[in-house]
Amino acid sequence: MKTGLTKRQKTTCIYFDEASKTVEIQTHNTALKKRLTQYAAAYPNLCRQTDDDEQGGLTFEIDRRRFAVRLTAPYSDERRHAASELAKKNGLKGRPQL
């Protein structure tokens, strides 16, 4: 969808405070919009779309107990090598080597 916005202007903002029972998510990210739309359809009592800015951005309100941030540690060289060998053994193709 052409919005007239630059990639820098297409932001994702997450708002919540310690007192609120909901989290507000404003996003232009296509994958996140799709996931939130599907979640809202499946669980309307936990998540709902509250706004459409008509420039490609959607706003959702989600139950704070359903929201999480997941940080993952980077793979070590040994783990990356083991995963690569396993993929080669099973015939999986990865990214091309530079």
Protein backbone atom coordinates (compact mmCIF):
# COMPACT_ATOMS: atom_id res chain seq x y z
CA MET A 1 0.00 0.00 0.00
CA LYS A 2 1.37 3.42 -0.98
CA THR A 3 1.04 5.77 1.96
CA GLY A 4 3.20 8.73 1.06
CA LEU A 5 5.24 8.07 4.21
CA THR A 6 8.95 7.31 4.24
CA LYS A 7 10.21 4.15 5.91
CA ARG A 8 11.52 6.34 8.72
CA GLN A 9 8.00 7.68 9.30
CA LYS A 10 6.46 4.19 9.38
CA THR A 11 6.93 3.55 13.06
CA THR A 12 5.72 1.08 15.66
CA CYS A 13 4.94 2.59 19.05
CA ILE A 14 4.00 0.61 22.13
CA TYR A 15 2.40 2.47 25.03
CA PHE A 16 1.59 1.22 28.50
CA ASP A 17 2.02 2.26 32.08
CA GLU A 18 2.18 0.37 35.34
CA ALA A 19 -1.42 1.20 36.26
CA SER A 20 -3.13 0.31 32.98
CA LYS A 21 -4.51 -3.13 32.19
CA THR A 22 -4.01 -2.62 28.45
CA VAL A 23 -1.19 -1.98 26.02
CA GLU A 24 -1.69 0.28 22.99
CA ILE A 25 0.23 -0.65 19.86
CA GLN A 26 0.37 1.73 16.88
CA THR A 27 2.14 0.23 13.88
CA HIS A 28 2.76 0.49 10.15
CA ASN A 29 4.59 -2.87 10.12
CA THR A 30 2.68 -5.16 7.76
CA ALA A 31 3.57 -8.43 9.50
CA LEU A 32 2.68 -7.07 12.93
CA LYS A 33 -0.59 -5.57 11.67
CA LYS A 34 -1.52 -8.96 10.21
CA ARG A 35 -0.66 -10.82 13.43
CA LEU A 36 -2.60 -8.35 15.59
CA THR A 37 -5.60 -8.39 13.23
CA GLN A 38 -5.72 -12.19 13.35
CA TYR A 39 -5.30 -12.20 17.13
CA ALA A 40 -8.09 -9.61 17.53
CA ALA A 41 -10.39 -11.73 15.36
CA ALA A 42 -9.63 -14.86 17.37
CA TYR A 43 -9.71 -13.20 20.81
CA PRO A 44 -11.94 -10.10 20.68
CA ASN A 45 -12.16 -9.96 24.48
CA LEU A 46 -8.34 -9.61 24.72
CA CYS A 47 -7.44 -7.50 21.69
CA ARG A 48 -9.22 -5.01 19.45
CA GLN A 49 -8.37 -2.59 16.69
CA THR A 50 -9.10 0.93 17.88
CA ASP A 51 -7.94 3.14 14.99
CA ASP A 52 -6.93 3.22 11.32
CA ASP A 53 -4.97 6.34 10.39
CA GLU A 54 -5.74 5.80 6.68
CA GLN A 55 -2.02 6.08 5.90
CA GLY A 56 -1.30 2.41 6.48
CA GLY A 57 -1.11 2.56 10.27
CA LEU A 58 -3.34 0.64 12.65
CA THR A 59 -3.78 0.97 16.40
CA PHE A 60 -4.65 -1.94 18.65
CA GLU A 61 -5.44 -2.27 22.33
CA ILE A 62 -4.38 -5.57 23.87
CA ASP A 63 -4.72 -7.03 27.35
CA ARG A 64 -1.44 -6.35 29.11
CA ARG A 65 -1.21 -9.95 30.38
CA ARG A 66 -1.07 -11.13 26.74
CA PHE A 67 1.79 -8.80 25.75
CA ALA A 68 5.45 -9.81 26.09
CA VAL A 69 8.84 -8.67 24.87
CA ARG A 70 11.24 -11.48 24.05
CA LEU A 71 14.97 -10.84 23.84
CA THR A 72 17.17 -13.61 22.47
CA ALA A 73 20.90 -13.99 22.88
CA PRO A 74 22.95 -14.22 19.69
CA TYR A 75 24.11 -17.67 18.60
CA SER A 76 27.66 -18.59 19.54
CA ASP A 77 29.97 -19.64 16.70
CA GLU A 78 29.74 -23.24 17.91
CA ARG A 79 25.93 -23.21 17.95
CA ARG A 80 25.78 -21.55 14.51
CA HIS A 81 28.18 -24.17 13.11
CA ALA A 82 26.18 -27.04 14.67
CA ALA A 83 22.93 -25.64 13.22
CA SER A 84 24.60 -25.26 9.82
CA GLU A 85 25.84 -28.85 9.84
CA LEU A 86 22.41 -30.14 10.88
CA ALA A 87 20.77 -28.17 8.06
CA LYS A 88 23.28 -29.50 5.51
CA LYS A 89 22.70 -33.04 6.76
CA ASN A 90 18.93 -32.63 6.37
CA GLY A 91 19.16 -30.94 2.96
CA LEU A 92 18.03 -27.47 4.07
CA LYS A 93 19.30 -24.45 2.20
CA GLY A 94 20.33 -21.33 4.07
CA ARG A 95 21.44 -17.87 3.10
CA PRO A 96 24.06 -17.65 0.38
CA GLN A 97 27.58 -17.18 1.68
CA LEU A 98 29.11 -13.77 1.02
